[in-house]
Amino acid sequence: MSRQGGFTLLEVLVAFAILSITIVVAVQGFAQGLRLLKLSGDHQSAILIADQRAREVVMPKEGHENGTDGSYTWDRTIKELPTPELDVPGRAARWHVYQIDVQVAWGDGRRSVGVTTLRTVSDADEKEAARR
């Protein structure tokens, strides 16, 4: 009896199983990459909104505001910080420091980012803004 060259059924099944596992792992890897790409894009959009809401404050006043921008919700809080090192005893305060905190949430509020900045305003600028 002569034996013909070729693969047995068992060898074909093992090769097919290895190929199937490789394809499944590759597809899962691509799907995870796409999920991360979407999350990264959402995060970048939220940071841009937070930065825009912080920069649009020209003359800060203590308070709280909120709103929506597409599927994102934002909260902005402005508060004056105590600055004893800038105060001169016996004189009115010439400088005021405000903290502007913006939080942006999306995806049912499960994901959020925040931007916090400080703004220094002179007393003369505040008086000028109040006259307008």
Protein backbone atom coordinates (compact mmCIF):
# COMPACT_ATOMS: atom_id res chain seq x y z
CA MET A 1 0.00 0.00 0.00
CA SER A 2 1.22 3.38 -0.85
CA ARG A 3 0.26 6.39 1.17
CA GLN A 4 -0.91 9.48 -0.72
CA GLY A 5 0.22 12.95 0.37
CA GLY A 6 -2.34 15.26 1.95
CA PHE A 7 -3.95 16.30 5.20
CA THR A 8 -6.07 14.15 7.42
CA LEU A 9 -9.45 15.32 8.62
CA LEU A 10 -8.06 15.92 12.12
CA GLU A 11 -5.28 18.17 10.80
CA VAL A 12 -7.80 20.21 8.79
CA LEU A 13 -10.06 20.62 11.84
CA VAL A 14 -7.16 21.77 14.05
CA ALA A 15 -6.00 24.28 11.43
CA PHE A 16 -9.57 25.57 11.05
CA ALA A 17 -9.93 25.97 14.85
CA ILE A 18 -6.66 27.94 15.07
CA LEU A 19 -7.73 30.17 12.17
CA SER A 20 -11.15 30.77 13.76
CA ILE A 21 -9.65 31.76 17.11
CA THR A 22 -7.22 34.12 15.38
CA ILE A 23 -10.02 35.83 13.44
CA VAL A 24 -12.17 36.24 16.58
CA VAL A 25 -9.28 37.81 18.51
CA ALA A 26 -8.49 40.16 15.62
CA VAL A 27 -12.13 41.30 15.30
CA GLN A 28 -12.36 41.92 19.06
CA GLY A 29 -9.15 43.94 18.92
CA PHE A 30 -10.52 46.14 16.13
CA ALA A 31 -13.83 46.60 17.96
CA GLN A 32 -12.02 47.67 21.14
CA GLY A 33 -9.97 50.14 19.11
CA LEU A 34 -13.14 51.67 17.65
CA ARG A 35 -14.68 52.00 21.14
CA LEU A 36 -11.56 53.75 22.40
CA LEU A 37 -11.55 56.05 19.38
CA LYS A 38 -15.16 57.12 20.07
CA LEU A 39 -14.42 57.64 23.77
CA SER A 40 -11.38 59.72 22.89
CA GLY A 41 -13.44 61.88 20.51
CA ASP A 42 -16.14 62.40 23.16
CA HIS A 43 -13.50 63.33 25.73
CA GLN A 44 -11.88 65.83 23.36
CA SER A 45 -15.24 67.45 22.58
CA ALA A 46 -16.03 67.74 26.30
CA ILE A 47 -12.66 69.38 27.00
CA LEU A 48 -13.24 71.88 24.18
CA ILE A 49 -16.67 72.77 25.60
CA ALA A 50 -15.24 73.16 29.13
CA ASP A 51 -12.42 75.37 27.85
CA GLN A 52 -14.85 77.49 25.83
CA ARG A 53 -17.18 77.98 28.83
CA ALA A 54 -14.22 79.00 31.02
CA ARG A 55 -12.81 81.45 28.44
CA GLU A 56 -16.12 83.18 27.75
CA VAL A 57 -16.07 84.70 31.25
CA VAL A 58 -14.70 88.20 30.65
CA MET A 59 -15.53 89.88 33.96
CA PRO A 60 -16.05 87.20 36.62
CA LYS A 61 -18.83 87.48 39.20
CA GLU A 62 -19.54 84.89 41.85
CA GLY A 63 -22.28 82.52 40.84
CA HIS A 64 -23.32 79.25 39.28
CA GLU A 65 -24.53 78.60 35.72
CA ASN A 66 -25.34 75.47 33.78
CA GLY A 67 -26.57 74.47 30.37
CA THR A 68 -26.35 71.95 27.57
CA ASP A 69 -24.34 71.80 24.38
CA GLY A 70 -25.56 68.96 22.19
CA SER A 71 -25.39 65.77 24.24
CA TYR A 72 -23.10 67.41 26.82
CA THR A 73 -24.21 69.19 30.00
CA TRP A 74 -21.98 71.78 31.66
CA ASP A 75 -21.84 73.47 35.06
CA ARG A 76 -19.81 76.61 35.69
CA THR A 77 -19.06 77.87 39.19
CA ILE A 78 -17.27 81.15 39.85
CA LYS A 79 -16.11 82.08 43.32
CA GLU A 80 -13.81 84.72 44.73
CA LEU A 81 -10.78 83.37 46.54
CA PRO A 82 -9.35 85.00 49.65
CA THR A 83 -5.99 86.64 48.96
CA PRO A 84 -4.55 87.99 52.21
CA GLU A 85 -1.11 88.36 50.62
CA LEU A 86 -2.52 90.92 48.16
CA ASP A 87 -4.30 92.98 50.80
CA VAL A 88 -2.59 96.03 52.28
CA PRO A 89 -3.79 96.82 55.82
CA GLY A 90 -5.76 100.06 55.94
CA ARG A 91 -6.48 100.16 52.19
CA ALA A 92 -9.24 98.74 50.04
CA ALA A 93 -8.40 95.63 48.08
CA ARG A 94 -6.98 96.46 44.64
CA TRP A 95 -6.97 92.93 43.25
CA HIS A 96 -9.49 90.11 43.31
CA VAL A 97 -8.79 86.50 42.36
CA TYR A 98 -11.62 84.35 41.03
CA GLN A 99 -11.68 80.61 40.54
CA ILE A 100 -13.64 79.48 37.48
CA ASP A 101 -14.56 75.80 37.58
CA VAL A 102 -16.32 74.15 34.61
CA GLN A 103 -17.52 70.55 34.67
CA VAL A 104 -18.83 68.84 31.51
CA ALA A 105 -20.68 65.51 31.64
CA TRP A 106 -21.97 63.16 28.95
CA GLY A 107 -23.21 59.61 28.56
CA ASP A 108 -25.89 59.63 31.29
CA GLY A 109 -23.53 61.60 33.53
CA ARG A 110 -21.21 58.64 33.95
CA ARG A 111 -18.34 60.40 32.21
CA SER A 112 -17.16 63.89 32.99
CA VAL A 113 -14.20 66.22 32.67
CA GLY A 114 -13.40 69.49 34.33
CA VAL A 115 -11.38 72.63 33.75
CA THR A 116 -10.39 74.99 36.55
CA THR A 117 -8.66 78.31 36.06
CA LEU A 118 -7.87 81.40 38.07
CA ARG A 119 -8.58 84.94 36.90
CA THR A 120 -7.13 88.07 38.49
CA VAL A 121 -9.18 91.26 38.16
CA SER A 122 -8.22 94.72 39.34
CA ASP A 123 -10.62 96.79 41.40
CA ALA A 124 -10.54 99.51 38.69
CA ASP A 125 -11.65 96.98 36.03
CA GLU A 126 -14.55 95.82 38.22
CA LYS A 127 -15.69 99.42 38.78
CA GLU A 128 -15.48 100.12 35.04
CA ALA A 129 -17.55 97.02 34.26
CA ALA A 130 -20.13 98.00 36.89
CA ARG A 131 -20.58 101.44 35.26
CA ARG A 132 -21.43 99.89 31.88
